Amino acid sequence: MSTEAAATNTDHEHPTDAKYVQIAILLAVITAAEVSTYFVDIGPVLIPALMVMMVVKFFYVAAWFMHLRFDSVLFTRFFVTGLILATAVYCIVLTMFEFWTGG
């Protein structure tokens, strides 16, 4: 038995605290824009605009604060696969309610 630790870990440099603060400020600005849509009538652009802001915020939170950006690609694939599966199940359930209630 060897007492030496195997150096198979590939270390990567994490961003500084300042970068995390920048991301948090960006997320706060996007959140403020989302909240402002309640007070400003932007018509039919409302839902697509909120969806885009939601996706951007989700990407930043998953990539930076869940550290998917710095981890193995395998973890990202697991995350994306679970996300796709959950979305598919959600859509199937919504469809079932539409068909079962007689539309």
PDB file of N, CA and C in Angstrom:
ATOM      1  N   MET A   1       0.837  -1.176   0.000  1.00  0.00           N
ATOM      2  CA  MET A   1       0.000   0.000   0.000  1.00  0.00           C
ATOM      3  C   MET A   1       0.882   1.238   0.000  1.00  0.00           C
ATOM      4  N   SER A   2       0.564   2.125  -0.870  1.00  0.00           N
ATOM      5  CA  SER A   2       1.346   3.342  -0.990  1.00  0.00           C
ATOM      6  C   SER A   2       0.738   4.441  -0.123  1.00  0.00           C
ATOM      7  N   THR A   3       1.606   5.209   0.509  1.00  0.00           N
ATOM      8  CA  THR A   3       1.112   6.306   1.334  1.00  0.00           C
ATOM      9  C   THR A   3       1.020   7.610   0.556  1.00  0.00           C
ATOM     10  N   GLU A   4       1.491   7.586  -0.686  1.00  0.00           N
ATOM     11  CA  GLU A   4       1.428   8.793  -1.501  1.00  0.00           C
ATOM     12  C   GLU A   4       0.049   8.935  -2.129  1.00  0.00           C
ATOM     13  N   ALA A   5      -0.442  10.126  -2.136  1.00  0.00           N
ATOM     14  CA  ALA A   5      -1.745  10.391  -2.750  1.00  0.00           C
ATOM     15  C   ALA A   5      -1.555  10.546  -4.250  1.00  0.00           C
ATOM     16  N   ALA A   6      -2.429   9.926  -4.978  1.00  0.00           N
ATOM     17  CA  ALA A   6      -2.355  10.033  -6.432  1.00  0.00           C
ATOM     18  C   ALA A   6      -2.786  11.432  -6.853  1.00  0.00           C
ATOM     19  N   ALA A   7      -2.022  12.014  -7.740  1.00  0.00           N
ATOM     20  CA  ALA A   7      -2.311  13.378  -8.196  1.00  0.00           C
ATOM     21  C   ALA A   7      -3.157  13.346  -9.460  1.00  0.00           C
ATOM     22  N   THR A   8      -4.301  12.723  -9.367  1.00  0.00           N
ATOM     23  CA  THR A   8      -5.184  12.636 -10.533  1.00  0.00           C
ATOM     24  C   THR A   8      -6.188  13.762 -10.569  1.00  0.00           C
ATOM     25  N   ASN A   9      -6.204  14.561  -9.528  1.00  0.00           N
ATOM     26  CA  ASN A   9      -7.149  15.671  -9.459  1.00  0.00           C
ATOM     27  C   ASN A   9      -6.658  16.807 -10.348  1.00  0.00           C
ATOM     28  N   THR A  10      -7.490  17.252 -11.267  1.00  0.00           N
ATOM     29  CA  THR A  10      -7.111  18.378 -12.111  1.00  0.00           C
ATOM     30  C   THR A  10      -7.664  19.647 -11.484  1.00  0.00           C
ATOM     31  N   ASP A  11      -6.784  20.379 -10.847  1.00  0.00           N
ATOM     32  CA  ASP A  11      -7.208  21.612 -10.191  1.00  0.00           C
ATOM     33  C   ASP A  11      -7.422  22.700 -11.226  1.00  0.00           C
ATOM     34  N   HIS A  12      -8.340  23.552 -10.927  1.00  0.00           N
ATOM     35  CA  HIS A  12      -8.608  24.691 -11.793  1.00  0.00           C
ATOM     36  C   HIS A  12      -8.742  25.917 -10.913  1.00  0.00           C
ATOM     37  N   GLU A  13      -8.464  27.027 -11.501  1.00  0.00           N
ATOM     38  CA  GLU A  13      -8.497  28.262 -10.736  1.00  0.00           C
ATOM     39  C   GLU A  13      -9.911  28.805 -10.673  1.00  0.00           C
ATOM     40  N   HIS A  14     -10.388  28.985  -9.469  1.00  0.00           N
ATOM     41  CA  HIS A  14     -11.719  29.558  -9.284  1.00  0.00           C
ATOM     42  C   HIS A  14     -11.640  31.070  -9.402  1.00  0.00           C
ATOM     43  N   PRO A  15     -12.739  31.682  -9.807  1.00  0.00           N
ATOM     44  CA  PRO A  15     -12.731  33.143  -9.913  1.00  0.00           C
ATOM     45  C   PRO A  15     -12.647  33.805  -8.540  1.00  0.00           C
ATOM     46  N   THR A  16     -12.326  35.056  -8.579  1.00  0.00           N
ATOM     47  CA  THR A  16     -12.204  35.809  -7.331  1.00  0.00           C
ATOM     48  C   THR A  16     -13.586  36.142  -6.777  1.00  0.00           C
ATOM     49  N   ASP A  17     -13.588  36.623  -5.551  1.00  0.00           N
ATOM     50  CA  ASP A  17     -14.842  37.058  -4.942  1.00  0.00           C
ATOM     51  C   ASP A  17     -15.461  38.208  -5.725  1.00  0.00           C
ATOM     52  N   ALA A  18     -14.616  39.046  -6.302  1.00  0.00           N
ATOM     53  CA  ALA A  18     -15.118  40.182  -7.086  1.00  0.00           C
ATOM     54  C   ALA A  18     -15.947  39.704  -8.274  1.00  0.00           C
ATOM     55  N   LYS A  19     -15.539  38.601  -8.885  1.00  0.00           N
ATOM     56  CA  LYS A  19     -16.304  38.069 -10.021  1.00  0.00           C
ATOM     57  C   LYS A  19     -17.680  37.594  -9.558  1.00  0.00           C
ATOM     58  N   TYR A  20     -17.731  36.938  -8.396  1.00  0.00           N
ATOM     59  CA  TYR A  20     -19.018  36.501  -7.866  1.00  0.00           C
ATOM     60  C   TYR A  20     -19.908  37.694  -7.526  1.00  0.00           C
ATOM     61  N   VAL A  21     -19.314  38.761  -7.040  1.00  0.00           N
ATOM     62  CA  VAL A  21     -20.088  39.968  -6.747  1.00  0.00           C
ATOM     63  C   VAL A  21     -20.621  40.568  -8.045  1.00  0.00           C
ATOM     64  N   GLN A  22     -19.807  40.559  -9.107  1.00  0.00           N
ATOM     65  CA  GLN A  22     -20.264  41.061 -10.409  1.00  0.00           C
ATOM     66  C   GLN A  22     -21.453  40.257 -10.915  1.00  0.00           C
ATOM     67  N   ILE A  23     -21.378  38.944 -10.784  1.00  0.00           N
ATOM     68  CA  ILE A  23     -22.483  38.083 -11.219  1.00  0.00           C
ATOM     69  C   ILE A  23     -23.722  38.361 -10.371  1.00  0.00           C
ATOM     70  N   ALA A  24     -23.543  38.540  -9.076  1.00  0.00           N
ATOM     71  CA  ALA A  24     -24.682  38.842  -8.203  1.00  0.00           C
ATOM     72  C   ALA A  24     -25.322  40.174  -8.580  1.00  0.00           C
ATOM     73  N   ILE A  25     -24.507  41.164  -8.923  1.00  0.00           N
ATOM     74  CA  ILE A  25     -25.054  42.459  -9.347  1.00  0.00           C
ATOM     75  C   ILE A  25     -25.815  42.304 -10.654  1.00  0.00           C
ATOM     76  N   LEU A  26     -25.262  41.534 -11.590  1.00  0.00           N
ATOM     77  CA  LEU A  26     -25.960  41.280 -12.855  1.00  0.00           C
ATOM     78  C   LEU A  26     -27.310  40.612 -12.606  1.00  0.00           C
ATOM     79  N   LEU A  27     -27.334  39.620 -11.717  1.00  0.00           N
ATOM     80  CA  LEU A  27     -28.593  38.948 -11.393  1.00  0.00           C
ATOM     81  C   LEU A  27     -29.578  39.906 -10.728  1.00  0.00           C
ATOM     82  N   ALA A  28     -29.081  40.807  -9.900  1.00  0.00           N
ATOM     83  CA  ALA A  28     -29.959  41.796  -9.264  1.00  0.00           C
ATOM     84  C   ALA A  28     -30.543  42.753 -10.297  1.00  0.00           C
ATOM     85  N   VAL A  29     -29.742  43.144 -11.278  1.00  0.00           N
ATOM     86  CA  VAL A  29     -30.234  44.038 -12.334  1.00  0.00           C
ATOM     87  C   VAL A  29     -31.306  43.336 -13.164  1.00  0.00           C
ATOM     88  N   ILE A  30     -31.076  42.071 -13.496  1.00  0.00           N
ATOM     89  CA  ILE A  30     -32.077  41.322 -14.267  1.00  0.00           C
ATOM     90  C   ILE A  30     -33.354  41.158 -13.448  1.00  0.00           C
ATOM     91  N   THR A  31     -33.214  40.883 -12.159  1.00  0.00           N
ATOM     92  CA  THR A  31     -34.386  40.762 -11.291  1.00  0.00           C
ATOM     93  C   THR A  31     -35.148  42.079 -11.222  1.00  0.00           C
ATOM     94  N   ALA A  32     -34.429  43.188 -11.135  1.00  0.00           N
ATOM     95  CA  ALA A  32     -35.088  44.498 -11.124  1.00  0.00           C
ATOM     96  C   ALA A  32     -35.841  44.734 -12.431  1.00  0.00           C
ATOM     97  N   ALA A  33     -35.263  44.304 -13.541  1.00  0.00           N
ATOM     98  CA  ALA A  33     -35.952  44.439 -14.831  1.00  0.00           C
ATOM     99  C   ALA A  33     -37.211  43.578 -14.857  1.00  0.00           C
ATOM    100  N   GLU A  34     -37.123  42.373 -14.282  1.00  0.00           N
ATOM    101  CA  GLU A  34     -38.305  41.514 -14.224  1.00  0.00           C
ATOM    102  C   GLU A  34     -39.405  42.153 -13.381  1.00  0.00           C
ATOM    103  N   VAL A  35     -39.035  42.685 -12.236  1.00  0.00           N
ATOM    104  CA  VAL A  35     -40.022  43.314 -11.359  1.00  0.00           C
ATOM    105  C   VAL A  35     -40.610  44.554 -12.017  1.00  0.00           C
ATOM    106  N   SER A  36     -39.793  45.285 -12.765  1.00  0.00           N
ATOM    107  CA  SER A  36     -40.285  46.514 -13.406  1.00  0.00           C
ATOM    108  C   SER A  36     -41.339  46.227 -14.467  1.00  0.00           C
ATOM    109  N   THR A  37     -41.381  45.003 -14.994  1.00  0.00           N
ATOM    110  CA  THR A  37     -42.405  44.684 -15.991  1.00  0.00           C
ATOM    111  C   THR A  37     -43.803  44.720 -15.385  1.00  0.00           C
ATOM    112  N   TYR A  38     -43.888  44.635 -14.071  1.00  0.00           N
ATOM    113  CA  TYR A  38     -45.186  44.732 -13.404  1.00  0.00           C
ATOM    114  C   TYR A  38     -45.738  46.150 -13.495  1.00  0.00           C
ATOM    115  N   PHE A  39     -44.845  47.114 -13.485  1.00  0.00           N
ATOM    116  CA  PHE A  39     -45.252  48.520 -13.456  1.00  0.00           C
ATOM    117  C   PHE A  39     -45.300  49.170 -14.829  1.00  0.00           C
ATOM    118  N   VAL A  40     -44.640  48.584 -15.821  1.00  0.00           N
ATOM    119  CA  VAL A  40     -44.574  49.153 -17.168  1.00  0.00           C
ATOM    120  C   VAL A  40     -45.321  48.225 -18.114  1.00  0.00           C
ATOM    121  N   ASP A  41     -46.249  48.763 -18.865  1.00  0.00           N
ATOM    122  CA  ASP A  41     -47.013  47.958 -19.815  1.00  0.00           C
ATOM    123  C   ASP A  41     -46.218  47.837 -21.114  1.00  0.00           C
ATOM    124  N   ILE A  42     -45.693  46.638 -21.380  1.00  0.00           N
ATOM    125  CA  ILE A  42     -44.931  46.436 -22.610  1.00  0.00           C
ATOM    126  C   ILE A  42     -45.686  45.560 -23.604  1.00  0.00           C
ATOM    127  N   GLY A  43     -46.932  45.310 -23.322  1.00  0.00           N
ATOM    128  CA  GLY A  43     -47.802  44.619 -24.270  1.00  0.00           C
ATOM    129  C   GLY A  43     -47.453  43.157 -24.480  1.00  0.00           C
ATOM    130  N   PRO A  44     -47.520  42.717 -25.743  1.00  0.00           N
ATOM    131  CA  PRO A  44     -47.325  41.296 -26.038  1.00  0.00           C
ATOM    132  C   PRO A  44     -45.881  40.823 -25.877  1.00  0.00           C
ATOM    133  N   VAL A  45     -44.971  41.714 -25.605  1.00  0.00           N
ATOM    134  CA  VAL A  45     -43.566  41.340 -25.432  1.00  0.00           C
ATOM    135  C   VAL A  45     -43.300  40.857 -24.006  1.00  0.00           C
ATOM    136  N   LEU A  46     -44.268  41.017 -23.127  1.00  0.00           N
ATOM    137  CA  LEU A  46     -44.080  40.725 -21.706  1.00  0.00           C
ATOM    138  C   LEU A  46     -43.609  39.295 -21.462  1.00  0.00           C
ATOM    139  N   ILE A  47     -44.370  38.322 -21.922  1.00  0.00           N
ATOM    140  CA  ILE A  47     -44.040  36.921 -21.629  1.00  0.00           C
ATOM    141  C   ILE A  47     -42.709  36.517 -22.260  1.00  0.00           C
ATOM    142  N   PRO A  48     -42.460  36.794 -23.553  1.00  0.00           N
ATOM    143  CA  PRO A  48     -41.143  36.438 -24.098  1.00  0.00           C
ATOM    144  C   PRO A  48     -39.985  37.128 -23.365  1.00  0.00           C
ATOM    145  N   ALA A  49     -40.167  38.387 -22.975  1.00  0.00           N
ATOM    146  CA  ALA A  49     -39.100  39.094 -22.260  1.00  0.00           C
ATOM    147  C   ALA A  49     -38.826  38.443 -20.909  1.00  0.00           C
ATOM    148  N   LEU A  50     -39.884  38.092 -20.187  1.00  0.00           N
ATOM    149  CA  LEU A  50     -39.704  37.424 -18.899  1.00  0.00           C
ATOM    150  C   LEU A  50     -39.052  36.053 -19.067  1.00  0.00           C
ATOM    151  N   MET A  51     -39.419  35.343 -20.120  1.00  0.00           N
ATOM    152  CA  MET A  51     -38.823  34.026 -20.369  1.00  0.00           C
ATOM    153  C   MET A  51     -37.324  34.147 -20.654  1.00  0.00           C
ATOM    154  N   VAL A  52     -36.948  35.116 -21.466  1.00  0.00           N
ATOM    155  CA  VAL A  52     -35.528  35.308 -21.784  1.00  0.00           C
ATOM    156  C   VAL A  52     -34.752  35.666 -20.521  1.00  0.00           C
ATOM    157  N   MET A  53     -35.284  36.578 -19.725  1.00  0.00           N
ATOM    158  CA  MET A  53     -34.603  36.955 -18.483  1.00  0.00           C
ATOM    159  C   MET A  53     -34.495  35.767 -17.534  1.00  0.00           C
ATOM    160  N   MET A  54     -35.529  34.932 -17.492  1.00  0.00           N
ATOM    161  CA  MET A  54     -35.505  33.757 -16.637  1.00  0.00           C
ATOM    162  C   MET A  54     -34.406  32.792 -17.073  1.00  0.00           C
ATOM    163  N   VAL A  55     -34.286  32.564 -18.373  1.00  0.00           N
ATOM    164  CA  VAL A  55     -33.274  31.635 -18.888  1.00  0.00           C
ATOM    165  C   VAL A  55     -31.868  32.174 -18.619  1.00  0.00           C
ATOM    166  N   VAL A  56     -31.665  33.467 -18.817  1.00  0.00           N
ATOM    167  CA  VAL A  56     -30.348  34.064 -18.562  1.00  0.00           C
ATOM    168  C   VAL A  56     -29.976  33.921 -17.089  1.00  0.00           C
ATOM    169  N   LYS A  57     -30.911  34.214 -16.194  1.00  0.00           N
ATOM    170  CA  LYS A  57     -30.637  34.076 -14.768  1.00  0.00           C
ATOM    171  C   LYS A  57     -30.361  32.621 -14.399  1.00  0.00           C
ATOM    172  N   PHE A  58     -31.136  31.708 -14.955  1.00  0.00           N
ATOM    173  CA  PHE A  58     -30.928  30.293 -14.676  1.00  0.00           C
ATOM    174  C   PHE A  58     -29.534  29.865 -15.119  1.00  0.00           C
ATOM    175  N   PHE A  59     -29.122  30.293 -16.309  1.00  0.00           N
ATOM    176  CA  PHE A  59     -27.798  29.933 -16.811  1.00  0.00           C
ATOM    177  C   PHE A  59     -26.702  30.434 -15.874  1.00  0.00           C
ATOM    178  N   TYR A  60     -26.786  31.689 -15.466  1.00  0.00           N
ATOM    179  CA  TYR A  60     -25.749  32.244 -14.594  1.00  0.00           C
ATOM    180  C   TYR A  60     -25.716  31.555 -13.236  1.00  0.00           C
ATOM    181  N   VAL A  61     -26.867  31.281 -12.663  1.00  0.00           N
ATOM    182  CA  VAL A  61     -26.889  30.613 -11.360  1.00  0.00           C
ATOM    183  C   VAL A  61     -26.329  29.199 -11.478  1.00  0.00           C
ATOM    184  N   ALA A  62     -26.744  28.467 -12.504  1.00  0.00           N
ATOM    185  CA  ALA A  62     -26.262  27.096 -12.669  1.00  0.00           C
ATOM    186  C   ALA A  62     -24.772  27.067 -12.987  1.00  0.00           C
ATOM    187  N   ALA A  63     -24.324  27.946 -13.849  1.00  0.00           N
ATOM    188  CA  ALA A  63     -22.928  27.915 -14.275  1.00  0.00           C
ATOM    189  C   ALA A  63     -21.972  28.426 -13.198  1.00  0.00           C
ATOM    190  N   TRP A  64     -22.328  29.492 -12.522  1.00  0.00           N
ATOM    191  CA  TRP A  64     -21.393  30.117 -11.585  1.00  0.00           C
ATOM    192  C   TRP A  64     -21.595  29.665 -10.148  1.00  0.00           C
ATOM    193  N   PHE A  65     -22.811  29.710  -9.643  1.00  0.00           N
ATOM    194  CA  PHE A  65     -23.023  29.433  -8.228  1.00  0.00           C
ATOM    195  C   PHE A  65     -23.174  27.942  -7.942  1.00  0.00           C
ATOM    196  N   MET A  66     -23.564  27.156  -8.941  1.00  0.00           N
ATOM    197  CA  MET A  66     -23.578  25.704  -8.774  1.00  0.00           C
ATOM    198  C   MET A  66     -22.268  25.104  -9.272  1.00  0.00           C
ATOM    199  N   HIS A  67     -21.353  25.942  -9.722  1.00  0.00           N
ATOM    200  CA  HIS A  67     -20.006  25.572 -10.155  1.00  0.00           C
ATOM    201  C   HIS A  67     -19.986  24.610 -11.334  1.00  0.00           C
ATOM    202  N   LEU A  68     -21.048  24.559 -12.135  1.00  0.00           N
ATOM    203  CA  LEU A  68     -21.042  23.688 -13.306  1.00  0.00           C
ATOM    204  C   LEU A  68     -20.010  24.144 -14.327  1.00  0.00           C
ATOM    205  N   ARG A  69     -19.714  25.401 -14.334  1.00  0.00           N
ATOM    206  CA  ARG A  69     -18.735  25.936 -15.273  1.00  0.00           C
ATOM    207  C   ARG A  69     -17.338  25.392 -14.988  1.00  0.00           C
ATOM    208  N   PHE A  70     -17.064  25.046 -13.747  1.00  0.00           N
ATOM    209  CA  PHE A  70     -15.719  24.641 -13.358  1.00  0.00           C
ATOM    210  C   PHE A  70     -15.588  23.141 -13.128  1.00  0.00           C
ATOM    211  N   ASP A  71     -16.686  22.421 -13.098  1.00  0.00           N
ATOM    212  CA  ASP A  71     -16.648  20.989 -12.828  1.00  0.00           C
ATOM    213  C   ASP A  71     -16.486  20.192 -14.111  1.00  0.00           C
ATOM    214  N   SER A  72     -16.464  18.912 -13.934  1.00  0.00           N
ATOM    215  CA  SER A  72     -16.344  17.997 -15.064  1.00  0.00           C
ATOM    216  C   SER A  72     -17.551  18.129 -15.991  1.00  0.00           C
ATOM    217  N   VAL A  73     -17.316  17.868 -17.258  1.00  0.00           N
ATOM    218  CA  VAL A  73     -18.396  17.909 -18.248  1.00  0.00           C
ATOM    219  C   VAL A  73     -19.458  16.866 -17.905  1.00  0.00           C
ATOM    220  N   LEU A  74     -19.055  15.796 -17.258  1.00  0.00           N
ATOM    221  CA  LEU A  74     -19.999  14.745 -16.876  1.00  0.00           C
ATOM    222  C   LEU A  74     -21.094  15.296 -15.964  1.00  0.00           C
ATOM    223  N   PHE A  75     -20.725  16.142 -15.007  1.00  0.00           N
ATOM    224  CA  PHE A  75     -21.725  16.724 -14.105  1.00  0.00           C
ATOM    225  C   PHE A  75     -22.685  17.642 -14.856  1.00  0.00           C
ATOM    226  N   THR A  76     -22.152  18.379 -15.814  1.00  0.00           N
ATOM    227  CA  THR A  76     -23.007  19.248 -16.627  1.00  0.00           C
ATOM    228  C   THR A  76     -23.985  18.411 -17.433  1.00  0.00           C
ATOM    229  N   ARG A  77     -23.511  17.312 -17.977  1.00  0.00           N
ATOM    230  CA  ARG A  77     -24.402  16.429 -18.751  1.00  0.00           C
ATOM    231  C   ARG A  77     -25.491  15.832 -17.869  1.00  0.00           C
ATOM    232  N   PHE A  78     -25.126  15.401 -16.662  1.00  0.00           N
ATOM    233  CA  PHE A  78     -26.139  14.892 -15.730  1.00  0.00           C
ATOM    234  C   PHE A  78     -27.184  15.965 -15.436  1.00  0.00           C
ATOM    235  N   PHE A  79     -26.731  17.170 -15.189  1.00  0.00           N
ATOM    236  CA  PHE A  79     -27.636  18.272 -14.872  1.00  0.00           C
ATOM    237  C   PHE A  79     -28.567  18.565 -16.038  1.00  0.00           C
ATOM    238  N   VAL A  80     -28.017  18.666 -17.241  1.00  0.00           N
ATOM    239  CA  VAL A  80     -28.829  18.979 -18.420  1.00  0.00           C
ATOM    240  C   VAL A  80     -29.799  17.842 -18.713  1.00  0.00           C
ATOM    241  N   THR A  81     -29.359  16.599 -18.563  1.00  0.00           N
ATOM    242  CA  THR A  81     -30.248  15.459 -18.790  1.00  0.00           C
ATOM    243  C   THR A  81     -31.422  15.488 -17.812  1.00  0.00           C
ATOM    244  N   GLY A  82     -31.147  15.738 -16.548  1.00  0.00           N
ATOM    245  CA  GLY A  82     -32.223  15.840 -15.560  1.00  0.00           C
ATOM    246  C   GLY A  82     -33.165  16.992 -15.852  1.00  0.00           C
ATOM    247  N   LEU A  83     -32.612  18.103 -16.300  1.00  0.00           N
ATOM    248  CA  LEU A  83     -33.429  19.267 -16.640  1.00  0.00           C
ATOM    249  C   LEU A  83     -34.344  18.968 -17.823  1.00  0.00           C
ATOM    250  N   ILE A  84     -33.810  18.321 -18.838  1.00  0.00           N
ATOM    251  CA  ILE A  84     -34.620  17.955 -20.008  1.00  0.00           C
ATOM    252  C   ILE A  84     -35.701  16.958 -19.609  1.00  0.00           C
ATOM    253  N   LEU A  85     -35.349  15.972 -18.801  1.00  0.00           N
ATOM    254  CA  LEU A  85     -36.324  14.977 -18.357  1.00  0.00           C
ATOM    255  C   LEU A  85     -37.434  15.629 -17.526  1.00  0.00           C
ATOM    256  N   ALA A  86     -37.071  16.520 -16.615  1.00  0.00           N
ATOM    257  CA  ALA A  86     -38.077  17.198 -15.791  1.00  0.00           C
ATOM    258  C   ALA A  86     -38.994  18.062 -16.650  1.00  0.00           C
ATOM    259  N   THR A  87     -38.435  18.746 -17.632  1.00  0.00           N
ATOM    260  CA  THR A  87     -39.248  19.572 -18.526  1.00  0.00           C
ATOM    261  C   THR A  87     -40.200  18.709 -19.341  1.00  0.00           C
ATOM    262  N   ALA A  88     -39.713  17.575 -19.823  1.00  0.00           N
ATOM    263  CA  ALA A  88     -40.566  16.674 -20.598  1.00  0.00           C
ATOM    264  C   ALA A  88     -41.709  16.130 -19.742  1.00  0.00           C
ATOM    265  N   VAL A  89     -41.407  15.720 -18.521  1.00  0.00           N
ATOM    266  CA  VAL A  89     -42.457  15.209 -17.627  1.00  0.00           C
ATOM    267  C   VAL A  89     -43.475  16.302 -17.328  1.00  0.00           C
ATOM    268  N   TYR A  90     -43.015  17.516 -17.093  1.00  0.00           N
ATOM    269  CA  TYR A  90     -43.912  18.642 -16.830  1.00  0.00           C
ATOM    270  C   TYR A  90     -44.840  18.880 -18.016  1.00  0.00           C
ATOM    271  N   CYS A  91     -44.286  18.880 -19.227  1.00  0.00           N
ATOM    272  CA  CYS A  91     -45.109  19.092 -20.426  1.00  0.00           C
ATOM    273  C   CYS A  91     -46.105  17.954 -20.625  1.00  0.00           C
ATOM    274  N   ILE A  92     -45.696  16.731 -20.345  1.00  0.00           N
ATOM    275  CA  ILE A  92     -46.594  15.584 -20.479  1.00  0.00           C
ATOM    276  C   ILE A  92     -47.755  15.702 -19.490  1.00  0.00           C
ATOM    277  N   VAL A  93     -47.453  16.080 -18.261  1.00  0.00           N
ATOM    278  CA  VAL A  93     -48.510  16.231 -17.256  1.00  0.00           C
ATOM    279  C   VAL A  93     -49.473  17.339 -17.657  1.00  0.00           C
ATOM    280  N   LEU A  94     -48.963  18.458 -18.151  1.00  0.00           N
ATOM    281  CA  LEU A  94     -49.848  19.529 -18.610  1.00  0.00           C
ATOM    282  C   LEU A  94     -50.736  19.062 -19.756  1.00  0.00           C
ATOM    283  N   THR A  95     -50.160  18.291 -20.665  1.00  0.00           N
ATOM    284  CA  THR A  95     -50.933  17.767 -21.789  1.00  0.00           C
ATOM    285  C   THR A  95     -52.015  16.810 -21.303  1.00  0.00           C
ATOM    286  N   MET A  96     -51.684  15.969 -20.333  1.00  0.00           N
ATOM    287  CA  MET A  96     -52.681  15.036 -19.815  1.00  0.00           C
ATOM    288  C   MET A  96     -53.848  15.777 -19.181  1.00  0.00           C
ATOM    289  N   PHE A  97     -53.577  16.825 -18.444  1.00  0.00           N
ATOM    290  CA  PHE A  97     -54.664  17.594 -17.842  1.00  0.00           C
ATOM    291  C   PHE A  97     -55.546  18.218 -18.911  1.00  0.00           C
ATOM    292  N   GLU A  98     -54.952  18.661 -19.997  1.00  0.00           N
ATOM    293  CA  GLU A  98     -55.725  19.269 -21.084  1.00  0.00           C
ATOM    294  C   GLU A  98     -56.634  18.227 -21.737  1.00  0.00           C
ATOM    295  N   PHE A  99     -56.107  17.031 -21.992  1.00  0.00           N
ATOM    296  CA  PHE A  99     -56.908  16.000 -22.644  1.00  0.00           C
ATOM    297  C   PHE A  99     -57.943  15.393 -21.699  1.00  0.00           C
ATOM    298  N   TRP A 100     -57.590  15.200 -20.420  1.00  0.00           N
ATOM    299  CA  TRP A 100     -58.493  14.551 -19.487  1.00  0.00           C
ATOM    300  C   TRP A 100     -59.655  15.437 -19.084  1.00  0.00           C
ATOM    301  N   THR A 101     -59.472  16.731 -19.127  1.00  0.00           N
ATOM    302  CA  THR A 101     -60.553  17.627 -18.722  1.00  0.00           C
ATOM    303  C   THR A 101     -61.470  17.975 -19.882  1.00  0.00           C
ATOM    304  N   GLY A 102     -61.178  17.485 -21.053  1.00  0.00           N
ATOM    305  CA  GLY A 102     -62.038  17.737 -22.203  1.00  0.00           C
ATOM    306  C   GLY A 102     -61.717  19.031 -22.919  1.00  0.00           C
ATOM    307  N   GLY A 103     -60.591  19.649 -22.589  1.00  0.00           N
ATOM    308  CA  GLY A 103     -60.105  20.845 -23.284  1.00  0.00           C
ATOM    309  C   GLY A 103     -60.983  21.985 -23.103  1.00  0.00           C
TER     310      GLY A 103
END
